[in-house]
Amino acid sequence: MDLLLNREHYLCDDSLNNSSFIHFHTTSKKISAENYNELAIISKEKGLTKKVIYFYQKALALRTSSLGLLNSKTIASVKRLAEAYFDEGMSKESLIFYKKSLELNQNLFGEDSLQVASDYSALAKIYFREENLEEAFSFYLRALKIRETHLGGKHPLTACSQYELGYFYAASEEYSLALPLFEKALETRVELFRFSHPETAKSYNSLAMCQYHLFHYDKAYEYLSEALKIKEMIFPKNDERILVCKKNLIEIEKFYLKKEKHTLFRAMLIGLKVFKF
């Protein structure tokens, strides 16, 4: 499983020349899986993604040899490595290790465990990115069902699965199917996180885009305005997420005003009062 480059190559790299790595190098005989995990985290903060993979590989090798595969800590190492491959855009490798994590979790915790639901969600993301929509839908649905069964409707992980499945529908242009899932996720996130959390902003943003594609421009504008308020509270002023949100608001407003003018003109022609959708 190790990469071709050896450990000394990584530890002597100038880009990692700080006290943490120097200390690690001088005490390499006592290295543990936890040490490798710490090095992976440091590497990730530095954007050294290949080193992240390397260190997680080493942690997994140690845990496999000392604890065996059917152990929760070993499975956690399998999953960290799968995540690292996913972040690097290496879907094939990520898929292999997420499938291994799934197999181990099924054996250790059971077919309908929350650990299995987490693997289903991760596998769905890979299949979705690879445009294998049938597999992605299947795994998103399985993850949601398990989380609803174990955690109920009002839980962050359930809301996450609702949002993910909603996003899948929206990306497939099935906006009427995405809408109720986005609404459920938003309801839970507002209740649990209130109005100053990134996940709440994300739900408002997705609902706005969904309503926009359903031609409900007034609702789209309302939801996106709420998303912007939250983003302005928690992100820097010139954050890209804020700028994109403002740009989208301007575009939605154009359609909204155009629709309002059309509605007014139609009402005038037929002698009816103006109404709003």
Protein backbone atom coordinates (compact mmCIF):
# COMPACT_ATOMS: atom_id res chain seq x y z
CA MET A 1 0.00 0.00 0.00
CA ASP A 2 2.96 2.35 0.53
CA LEU A 3 3.91 4.83 -2.15
CA LEU A 4 7.24 4.41 -3.91
CA LEU A 5 8.79 7.32 -2.05
CA ASN A 6 10.02 6.39 1.41
CA ARG A 7 9.28 8.08 4.71
CA GLU A 8 12.65 9.87 4.85
CA HIS A 9 11.87 11.65 1.59
CA TYR A 10 8.74 13.16 3.09
CA LEU A 11 10.23 14.04 6.44
CA CYS A 12 13.23 15.79 4.90
CA ASP A 13 11.11 17.82 2.47
CA ASP A 14 11.80 21.55 3.01
CA SER A 15 8.08 22.30 2.84
CA LEU A 16 7.60 20.26 6.03
CA ASN A 17 10.58 21.70 7.89
CA ASN A 18 8.92 22.67 11.17
CA SER A 19 9.26 21.60 14.77
CA SER A 20 6.50 18.98 14.56
CA PHE A 21 8.17 17.16 11.70
CA ILE A 22 11.68 17.51 13.12
CA HIS A 23 10.55 16.04 16.44
CA PHE A 24 8.78 13.25 14.61
CA HIS A 25 11.88 12.45 12.58
CA THR A 26 14.12 12.21 15.64
CA THR A 27 11.71 9.84 17.39
CA SER A 28 10.76 7.76 14.37
CA LYS A 29 11.42 4.49 16.19
CA LYS A 30 8.45 5.20 18.48
CA ILE A 31 6.04 6.19 15.75
CA SER A 32 2.38 5.33 16.12
CA ALA A 33 -0.71 5.47 13.94
CA GLU A 34 -1.76 8.57 15.88
CA ASN A 35 1.53 10.26 14.94
CA TYR A 36 0.92 9.53 11.28
CA ASN A 37 -2.63 10.89 11.56
CA GLU A 38 -1.26 14.10 13.09
CA LEU A 39 1.25 14.43 10.26
CA ALA A 40 -1.55 13.90 7.75
CA ILE A 41 -3.56 16.72 9.34
CA ILE A 42 -0.54 19.05 9.24
CA SER A 43 0.05 18.14 5.59
CA LYS A 44 -3.59 18.81 4.76
CA GLU A 45 -3.39 22.26 6.32
CA LYS A 46 -0.36 22.93 4.12
CA GLY A 47 -2.16 21.65 1.01
CA LEU A 48 0.25 18.74 0.62
CA THR A 49 -2.38 16.26 -0.48
CA LYS A 50 -0.03 13.50 -1.65
CA LYS A 51 1.66 13.50 1.74
CA VAL A 52 -1.75 13.29 3.39
CA ILE A 53 -2.35 10.07 1.47
CA TYR A 54 1.09 8.73 2.37
CA PHE A 55 0.71 9.33 6.10
CA TYR A 56 -2.78 7.84 6.20
CA GLN A 57 -1.42 4.80 4.38
CA LYS A 58 1.21 4.40 7.08
CA ALA A 59 -1.38 4.79 9.86
CA LEU A 60 -3.59 2.17 8.24
CA ALA A 61 -0.69 -0.26 7.86
CA LEU A 62 0.18 0.07 11.55
CA ARG A 63 -3.37 -0.37 12.74
CA THR A 64 -3.95 -3.34 10.47
CA SER A 65 -0.86 -5.08 11.79
CA SER A 66 -1.55 -4.35 15.46
CA LEU A 67 -5.36 -4.40 15.65
CA GLY A 68 -6.48 -6.37 12.61
CA LEU A 69 -8.97 -5.21 10.01
CA LEU A 70 -12.15 -5.83 11.99
CA ASN A 71 -11.54 -3.03 14.47
CA SER A 72 -13.19 0.38 14.70
CA LYS A 73 -9.85 2.25 14.73
CA THR A 74 -8.63 0.35 11.68
CA ILE A 75 -11.87 1.07 9.86
CA ALA A 76 -11.48 4.76 10.74
CA SER A 77 -8.05 4.66 9.09
CA VAL A 78 -9.52 3.01 6.00
CA LYS A 79 -12.08 5.77 5.79
CA ARG A 80 -9.55 8.58 6.28
CA LEU A 81 -7.52 7.19 3.41
CA ALA A 82 -10.64 6.97 1.25
CA GLU A 83 -11.42 10.62 2.04
CA ALA A 84 -7.87 11.66 1.18
CA TYR A 85 -8.10 9.95 -2.21
CA PHE A 86 -11.47 11.61 -2.81
CA ASP A 87 -10.06 15.05 -2.00
CA GLU A 88 -7.22 14.38 -4.44
CA GLY A 89 -9.78 13.56 -7.16
CA MET A 90 -8.72 9.91 -7.28
CA SER A 91 -12.21 8.41 -7.47
CA LYS A 92 -11.13 4.88 -8.35
CA GLU A 93 -8.86 4.56 -5.31
CA SER A 94 -11.38 6.30 -3.07
CA LEU A 95 -14.08 3.89 -4.19
CA ILE A 96 -11.92 0.87 -3.31
CA PHE A 97 -11.33 2.03 0.25
CA TYR A 98 -14.88 3.22 0.88
CA LYS A 99 -16.12 -0.19 -0.26
CA LYS A 100 -13.66 -1.80 2.13
CA SER A 101 -14.90 0.45 4.93
CA LEU A 102 -18.46 -0.52 4.08
CA GLU A 103 -17.65 -4.23 4.15
CA LEU A 104 -15.89 -3.95 7.51
CA ASN A 105 -18.62 -1.80 9.07
CA GLN A 106 -21.30 -4.22 7.91
CA ASN A 107 -19.44 -7.09 9.56
CA LEU A 108 -18.64 -5.22 12.77
CA PHE A 109 -21.76 -3.08 13.32
CA GLY A 110 -24.47 -4.59 11.12
CA GLU A 111 -26.12 -3.93 7.77
CA ASP A 112 -28.33 -1.09 9.02
CA SER A 113 -25.87 0.71 11.31
CA LEU A 114 -25.09 4.42 11.25
CA GLN A 115 -21.52 3.57 10.29
CA VAL A 116 -22.85 1.83 7.19
CA ALA A 117 -25.07 4.84 6.43
CA SER A 118 -21.99 7.06 6.49
CA ASP A 119 -20.28 4.80 3.95
CA TYR A 120 -23.39 4.79 1.76
CA SER A 121 -23.37 8.59 1.74
CA ALA A 122 -19.69 8.69 0.80
CA LEU A 123 -20.11 6.12 -1.96
CA ALA A 124 -23.05 8.08 -3.34
CA LYS A 125 -20.87 11.18 -3.66
CA ILE A 126 -18.26 9.27 -5.64
CA TYR A 127 -20.81 7.73 -7.99
CA PHE A 128 -22.48 11.11 -8.41
CA ARG A 129 -19.18 12.75 -9.30
CA GLU A 130 -18.52 9.97 -11.80
CA GLU A 131 -22.05 10.47 -13.22
CA ASN A 132 -23.16 6.97 -12.28
CA LEU A 133 -26.55 8.36 -11.28
CA GLU A 134 -28.31 5.05 -10.72
CA GLU A 135 -25.76 3.92 -8.12
CA ALA A 136 -25.60 7.39 -6.57
CA PHE A 137 -29.37 7.52 -6.09
CA SER A 138 -29.43 4.05 -4.57
CA PHE A 139 -26.78 4.87 -1.96
CA TYR A 140 -28.22 8.31 -1.13
CA LEU A 141 -31.59 6.67 -0.51
CA ARG A 142 -30.14 3.89 1.66
CA ALA A 143 -28.22 6.37 3.80
CA LEU A 144 -31.34 8.47 4.35
CA LYS A 145 -33.50 5.49 5.33
CA ILE A 146 -31.00 4.25 7.92
CA ARG A 147 -30.55 7.70 9.44
CA GLU A 148 -34.28 8.32 9.61
CA THR A 149 -34.76 4.96 11.33
CA HIS A 150 -32.00 5.43 13.92
CA LEU A 151 -32.00 9.19 14.41
CA GLY A 152 -35.45 10.39 13.43
CA GLY A 153 -36.24 13.42 11.31
CA LYS A 154 -34.70 16.08 13.56
CA HIS A 155 -31.00 15.26 13.45
CA PRO A 156 -28.08 16.89 11.59
CA LEU A 157 -27.15 13.64 9.83
CA THR A 158 -30.72 13.05 8.70
CA ALA A 159 -30.85 16.63 7.43
CA CYS A 160 -27.56 16.00 5.63
CA SER A 161 -29.01 12.96 3.84
CA GLN A 162 -32.19 14.86 2.97
CA TYR A 163 -30.10 17.66 1.54
CA GLU A 164 -27.86 15.28 -0.43
CA LEU A 165 -30.80 13.47 -1.98
CA GLY A 166 -32.45 16.81 -2.71
CA TYR A 167 -29.29 18.01 -4.41
CA PHE A 168 -29.24 14.83 -6.48
CA TYR A 169 -32.80 15.51 -7.67
CA ALA A 170 -32.03 19.17 -8.37
CA ALA A 171 -28.93 18.26 -10.39
CA SER A 172 -31.16 15.86 -12.35
CA GLU A 173 -33.61 18.77 -12.92
CA GLU A 174 -36.29 17.05 -10.82
CA TYR A 175 -36.96 20.24 -8.87
CA SER A 176 -40.41 19.27 -7.63
CA LEU A 177 -38.85 16.20 -5.99
CA ALA A 178 -35.92 18.16 -4.59
CA LEU A 179 -38.08 20.88 -3.02
CA PRO A 180 -39.65 18.93 -0.09
CA LEU A 181 -36.27 17.41 0.80
CA PHE A 182 -34.63 20.83 0.87
CA GLU A 183 -37.51 22.14 2.99
CA LYS A 184 -37.15 19.31 5.54
CA ALA A 185 -33.39 19.85 5.75
CA LEU A 186 -33.88 23.58 6.26
CA GLU A 187 -36.48 23.06 8.98
CA THR A 188 -34.12 20.80 10.92
CA ARG A 189 -31.11 23.05 10.47
CA VAL A 190 -32.98 26.16 11.57
CA GLU A 191 -34.21 24.33 14.66
CA LEU A 192 -30.80 22.86 15.55
CA PHE A 193 -28.34 25.45 14.24
CA ARG A 194 -30.50 28.60 14.25
CA PHE A 195 -29.79 31.34 11.72
CA SER A 196 -26.03 31.76 11.90
CA HIS A 197 -24.70 28.46 10.60
CA PRO A 198 -23.19 27.63 7.17
CA GLU A 199 -25.47 24.59 6.76
CA THR A 200 -28.55 26.78 7.29
CA ALA A 201 -27.27 29.21 4.67
CA LYS A 202 -26.62 26.30 2.31
CA SER A 203 -30.20 25.08 2.70
CA TYR A 204 -31.65 28.54 2.03
CA ASN A 205 -29.41 28.88 -1.01
CA SER A 206 -30.45 25.51 -2.45
CA LEU A 207 -34.12 26.20 -1.85
CA ALA A 208 -33.74 29.52 -3.65
CA MET A 209 -32.18 27.89 -6.69
CA CYS A 210 -34.86 25.21 -6.70
CA GLN A 211 -37.67 27.77 -6.55
CA TYR A 212 -35.97 29.76 -9.28
CA HIS A 213 -36.04 26.78 -11.64
CA LEU A 214 -39.70 26.25 -10.75
CA PHE A 215 -40.31 29.89 -11.81
CA HIS A 216 -41.27 30.97 -8.27
CA TYR A 217 -39.08 34.04 -8.41
CA ASP A 218 -40.57 35.75 -5.38
CA LYS A 219 -39.81 32.74 -3.16
CA ALA A 220 -36.40 32.33 -4.74
CA TYR A 221 -35.58 35.95 -3.91
CA GLU A 222 -36.84 35.52 -0.35
CA TYR A 223 -34.79 32.40 0.33
CA LEU A 224 -31.63 33.75 -1.27
CA SER A 225 -31.96 36.96 0.75
CA GLU A 226 -31.99 34.85 3.92
CA ALA A 227 -28.95 32.94 2.72
CA LEU A 228 -27.12 36.22 2.10
CA LYS A 229 -27.92 37.52 5.60
CA ILE A 230 -26.38 34.44 7.17
CA LYS A 231 -23.33 34.49 4.91
CA GLU A 232 -22.68 38.14 5.74
CA MET A 233 -22.71 37.23 9.44
CA ILE A 234 -20.24 34.36 9.24
CA PHE A 235 -17.97 35.02 6.24
CA PRO A 236 -15.55 37.87 5.39
CA LYS A 237 -17.01 40.77 3.42
CA ASN A 238 -15.34 39.87 0.14
CA ASP A 239 -15.85 36.11 0.43
CA GLU A 240 -16.67 34.50 -2.90
CA ARG A 241 -19.83 32.92 -1.44
CA ILE A 242 -21.21 36.35 -0.59
CA LEU A 243 -20.32 37.85 -3.97
CA VAL A 244 -21.94 34.96 -5.86
CA CYS A 245 -25.04 35.22 -3.69
CA LYS A 246 -25.39 38.95 -4.43
CA LYS A 247 -24.94 38.33 -8.14
CA ASN A 248 -27.63 35.65 -8.12
CA LEU A 249 -29.99 37.96 -6.22
CA ILE A 250 -29.67 40.57 -8.95
CA GLU A 251 -30.48 38.00 -11.63
CA ILE A 252 -33.48 36.63 -9.73
CA GLU A 253 -34.76 40.15 -9.14
CA LYS A 254 -34.77 40.80 -12.88
CA PHE A 255 -37.02 37.80 -13.52
CA TYR A 256 -39.17 38.60 -10.50
CA LEU A 257 -39.83 42.18 -11.63
CA LYS A 258 -40.44 41.05 -15.19
CA LYS A 259 -43.02 38.53 -13.99
CA GLU A 260 -44.67 41.16 -11.77
CA LYS A 261 -45.01 43.54 -14.71
CA HIS A 262 -46.45 40.78 -16.88
CA THR A 263 -48.94 39.86 -14.15
CA LEU A 264 -50.00 43.48 -13.75
CA PHE A 265 -50.45 43.93 -17.48
CA ARG A 266 -52.50 40.73 -17.76
CA ALA A 267 -54.68 41.76 -14.84
CA MET A 268 -55.33 45.13 -16.40
CA LEU A 269 -56.38 43.50 -19.64
CA ILE A 270 -58.91 41.14 -18.08
CA GLY A 271 -60.08 43.51 -15.37
CA LEU A 272 -58.89 41.39 -12.45
CA LYS A 273 -57.01 42.39 -9.33
CA VAL A 274 -53.29 41.84 -9.29
CA PHE A 275 -52.34 38.63 -7.57
CA LYS A 276 -49.10 37.11 -6.41
CA PHE A 277 -48.01 33.51 -6.62
